Amino acid sequence: MQILKDKSGHPQGVIREVAGGMERLFDLSGKAIATYRPDTDWTYDRNGVRIGTGNRLAGMVDDDE
C-alpha cells in the first residue's frame, strides 16, 4: 500500500495491489479512481478506458485542495 500526499503532506489517495499484480488507486472515501495493469503496461480509468501507457496512478491525485 502506498499513501499519496499533497505538497502539504495531507493524504489524497491510496494505491493498493490487487489481483494479478494490478495496482488500483482509491480516493480517501475508498472509491476506485484508476487501475494499472502490468500485463498490458496501461493505466485505465474507473470506466475501463485507457488513459496511457505505463503506471500513471501517482499522477492522478488532485493536490489543488
N, C-alpha and C. Protein backbone atom coordinates (compact mmCIF):
# COMPACT_ATOMS: atom_id res chain seq x y z
N MET A 1 0.85 -1.18 0.00
CA MET A 1 0.00 0.00 0.00
C MET A 1 0.89 1.24 0.00
N GLN A 2 0.49 2.21 -0.82
CA GLN A 2 1.23 3.48 -0.90
C GLN A 2 0.22 4.61 -0.69
N ILE A 3 0.48 5.46 0.28
CA ILE A 3 -0.38 6.61 0.54
C ILE A 3 0.17 7.80 -0.23
N LEU A 4 -0.67 8.42 -1.05
CA LEU A 4 -0.27 9.58 -1.83
C LEU A 4 -0.68 10.83 -1.07
N LYS A 5 0.26 11.78 -0.96
CA LYS A 5 0.01 13.01 -0.20
C LYS A 5 0.21 14.23 -1.08
N ASP A 6 -0.46 15.32 -0.71
CA ASP A 6 -0.26 16.57 -1.42
C ASP A 6 1.01 17.25 -0.92
N LYS A 7 1.28 18.44 -1.43
CA LYS A 7 2.51 19.16 -1.08
C LYS A 7 2.59 19.50 0.40
N SER A 8 1.44 19.59 1.06
CA SER A 8 1.40 19.90 2.50
C SER A 8 1.47 18.66 3.38
N GLY A 9 1.49 17.48 2.75
CA GLY A 9 1.57 16.24 3.50
C GLY A 9 0.24 15.62 3.86
N HIS A 10 -0.85 16.20 3.33
CA HIS A 10 -2.18 15.64 3.61
C HIS A 10 -2.46 14.48 2.67
N PRO A 11 -2.98 13.37 3.19
CA PRO A 11 -3.31 12.22 2.34
C PRO A 11 -4.34 12.59 1.27
N GLN A 12 -4.12 12.12 0.05
CA GLN A 12 -5.03 12.39 -1.06
C GLN A 12 -5.59 11.13 -1.69
N GLY A 13 -4.90 10.01 -1.51
CA GLY A 13 -5.35 8.75 -2.10
C GLY A 13 -4.44 7.62 -1.67
N VAL A 14 -4.83 6.41 -2.07
CA VAL A 14 -4.08 5.21 -1.70
C VAL A 14 -3.96 4.31 -2.92
N ILE A 15 -2.77 3.78 -3.15
CA ILE A 15 -2.56 2.78 -4.20
C ILE A 15 -2.40 1.44 -3.51
N ARG A 16 -3.20 0.48 -3.93
CA ARG A 16 -3.14 -0.87 -3.37
C ARG A 16 -2.94 -1.88 -4.49
N GLU A 17 -2.19 -2.93 -4.18
CA GLU A 17 -2.05 -4.02 -5.13
C GLU A 17 -3.28 -4.89 -5.05
N VAL A 18 -3.82 -5.26 -6.21
CA VAL A 18 -4.99 -6.12 -6.29
C VAL A 18 -4.64 -7.36 -7.11
N ALA A 19 -5.60 -8.17 -7.41
CA ALA A 19 -5.38 -9.46 -8.09
C ALA A 19 -4.50 -9.34 -9.33
N GLY A 20 -3.63 -10.32 -9.51
CA GLY A 20 -2.81 -10.41 -10.70
C GLY A 20 -1.70 -9.38 -10.79
N GLY A 21 -1.34 -8.78 -9.66
CA GLY A 21 -0.28 -7.79 -9.66
C GLY A 21 -0.72 -6.40 -10.11
N MET A 22 -2.01 -6.25 -10.41
CA MET A 22 -2.52 -4.93 -10.79
C MET A 22 -2.47 -4.00 -9.59
N GLU A 23 -2.40 -2.70 -9.86
CA GLU A 23 -2.45 -1.70 -8.80
C GLU A 23 -3.66 -0.82 -9.04
N ARG A 24 -4.34 -0.46 -7.96
CA ARG A 24 -5.54 0.36 -8.08
C ARG A 24 -5.42 1.58 -7.18
N LEU A 25 -5.81 2.73 -7.72
CA LEU A 25 -5.81 3.99 -6.97
C LEU A 25 -7.21 4.23 -6.41
N PHE A 26 -7.27 4.51 -5.10
CA PHE A 26 -8.53 4.80 -4.43
C PHE A 26 -8.47 6.20 -3.85
N ASP A 27 -9.62 6.89 -3.85
CA ASP A 27 -9.67 8.18 -3.15
C ASP A 27 -9.84 7.91 -1.66
N LEU A 28 -9.90 8.96 -0.88
CA LEU A 28 -9.97 8.80 0.58
C LEU A 28 -11.26 8.16 1.06
N SER A 29 -12.31 8.19 0.24
CA SER A 29 -13.57 7.55 0.63
C SER A 29 -13.59 6.07 0.26
N GLY A 30 -12.53 5.60 -0.43
CA GLY A 30 -12.45 4.20 -0.81
C GLY A 30 -12.96 3.90 -2.21
N LYS A 31 -13.30 4.93 -2.96
CA LYS A 31 -13.81 4.77 -4.33
C LYS A 31 -12.64 4.60 -5.29
N ALA A 32 -12.71 3.59 -6.17
CA ALA A 32 -11.65 3.35 -7.14
C ALA A 32 -11.61 4.47 -8.17
N ILE A 33 -10.41 4.95 -8.46
CA ILE A 33 -10.21 6.03 -9.43
C ILE A 33 -9.64 5.49 -10.73
N ALA A 34 -8.64 4.61 -10.61
CA ALA A 34 -7.96 4.10 -11.80
C ALA A 34 -7.21 2.82 -11.44
N THR A 35 -6.84 2.07 -12.50
CA THR A 35 -6.13 0.80 -12.33
C THR A 35 -4.96 0.73 -13.31
N TYR A 36 -3.84 0.23 -12.82
CA TYR A 36 -2.68 -0.03 -13.67
C TYR A 36 -2.55 -1.54 -13.84
N ARG A 37 -2.45 -1.98 -15.11
CA ARG A 37 -2.28 -3.40 -15.41
C ARG A 37 -0.89 -3.64 -15.97
N PRO A 38 0.00 -4.29 -15.20
CA PRO A 38 1.36 -4.51 -15.69
C PRO A 38 1.43 -5.45 -16.90
N ASP A 39 0.42 -6.32 -17.08
CA ASP A 39 0.44 -7.24 -18.23
C ASP A 39 0.26 -6.50 -19.55
N THR A 40 -0.43 -5.38 -19.54
CA THR A 40 -0.62 -4.57 -20.75
C THR A 40 0.24 -3.31 -20.73
N ASP A 41 0.76 -2.94 -19.53
CA ASP A 41 1.51 -1.71 -19.29
C ASP A 41 0.67 -0.48 -19.63
N TRP A 42 -0.62 -0.55 -19.30
CA TRP A 42 -1.55 0.56 -19.50
C TRP A 42 -2.20 0.92 -18.17
N THR A 43 -2.57 2.19 -18.04
CA THR A 43 -3.38 2.66 -16.93
C THR A 43 -4.78 2.94 -17.47
N TYR A 44 -5.80 2.50 -16.72
CA TYR A 44 -7.20 2.62 -17.13
C TYR A 44 -7.97 3.42 -16.09
N ASP A 45 -8.93 4.24 -16.54
CA ASP A 45 -9.75 4.97 -15.59
C ASP A 45 -10.81 4.03 -14.99
N ARG A 46 -11.66 4.58 -14.12
CA ARG A 46 -12.65 3.75 -13.42
C ARG A 46 -13.65 3.08 -14.35
N ASN A 47 -13.77 3.59 -15.59
CA ASN A 47 -14.69 3.02 -16.57
C ASN A 47 -14.02 2.03 -17.51
N GLY A 48 -12.73 1.77 -17.29
CA GLY A 48 -12.00 0.83 -18.13
C GLY A 48 -11.44 1.44 -19.40
N VAL A 49 -11.47 2.76 -19.50
CA VAL A 49 -10.92 3.46 -20.67
C VAL A 49 -9.43 3.67 -20.46
N ARG A 50 -8.65 3.35 -21.50
CA ARG A 50 -7.20 3.52 -21.41
C ARG A 50 -6.83 4.99 -21.30
N ILE A 51 -5.98 5.29 -20.32
CA ILE A 51 -5.51 6.65 -20.10
C ILE A 51 -4.16 6.85 -20.76
N GLY A 52 -3.29 5.87 -20.64
CA GLY A 52 -1.97 5.98 -21.23
C GLY A 52 -1.09 4.82 -20.84
N THR A 53 0.07 4.76 -21.46
CA THR A 53 1.00 3.67 -21.17
C THR A 53 1.72 3.93 -19.86
N GLY A 54 2.17 2.85 -19.25
CA GLY A 54 2.90 2.94 -18.00
C GLY A 54 1.97 3.14 -16.81
N ASN A 55 2.57 3.16 -15.64
CA ASN A 55 1.82 3.33 -14.40
C ASN A 55 1.67 4.82 -14.12
N ARG A 56 0.47 5.35 -14.31
CA ARG A 56 0.20 6.78 -14.13
C ARG A 56 -0.61 7.08 -12.88
N LEU A 57 -0.74 6.10 -12.00
CA LEU A 57 -1.60 6.27 -10.84
C LEU A 57 -1.18 7.42 -9.94
N ALA A 58 0.09 7.53 -9.63
CA ALA A 58 0.56 8.56 -8.70
C ALA A 58 0.27 9.97 -9.20
N GLY A 59 0.22 10.16 -10.50
CA GLY A 59 -0.04 11.48 -11.06
C GLY A 59 -1.50 11.83 -11.20
N MET A 60 -2.38 10.93 -10.78
CA MET A 60 -3.82 11.15 -10.98
C MET A 60 -4.53 11.72 -9.77
N VAL A 61 -3.81 11.97 -8.69
CA VAL A 61 -4.43 12.52 -7.49
C VAL A 61 -4.37 14.03 -7.56
N ASP A 62 -5.48 14.67 -7.29
CA ASP A 62 -5.58 16.12 -7.34
C ASP A 62 -5.01 16.72 -6.07
N ASP A 63 -4.00 17.58 -6.16
CA ASP A 63 -3.43 18.19 -4.95
C ASP A 63 -3.71 19.69 -4.89
N ASP A 64 -4.78 20.12 -5.53
CA ASP A 64 -5.16 21.55 -5.52
C ASP A 64 -5.85 21.97 -4.24
N GLU A 65 -6.37 21.01 -3.50
CA GLU A 65 -7.24 21.32 -2.36
C GLU A 65 -6.49 21.92 -1.21
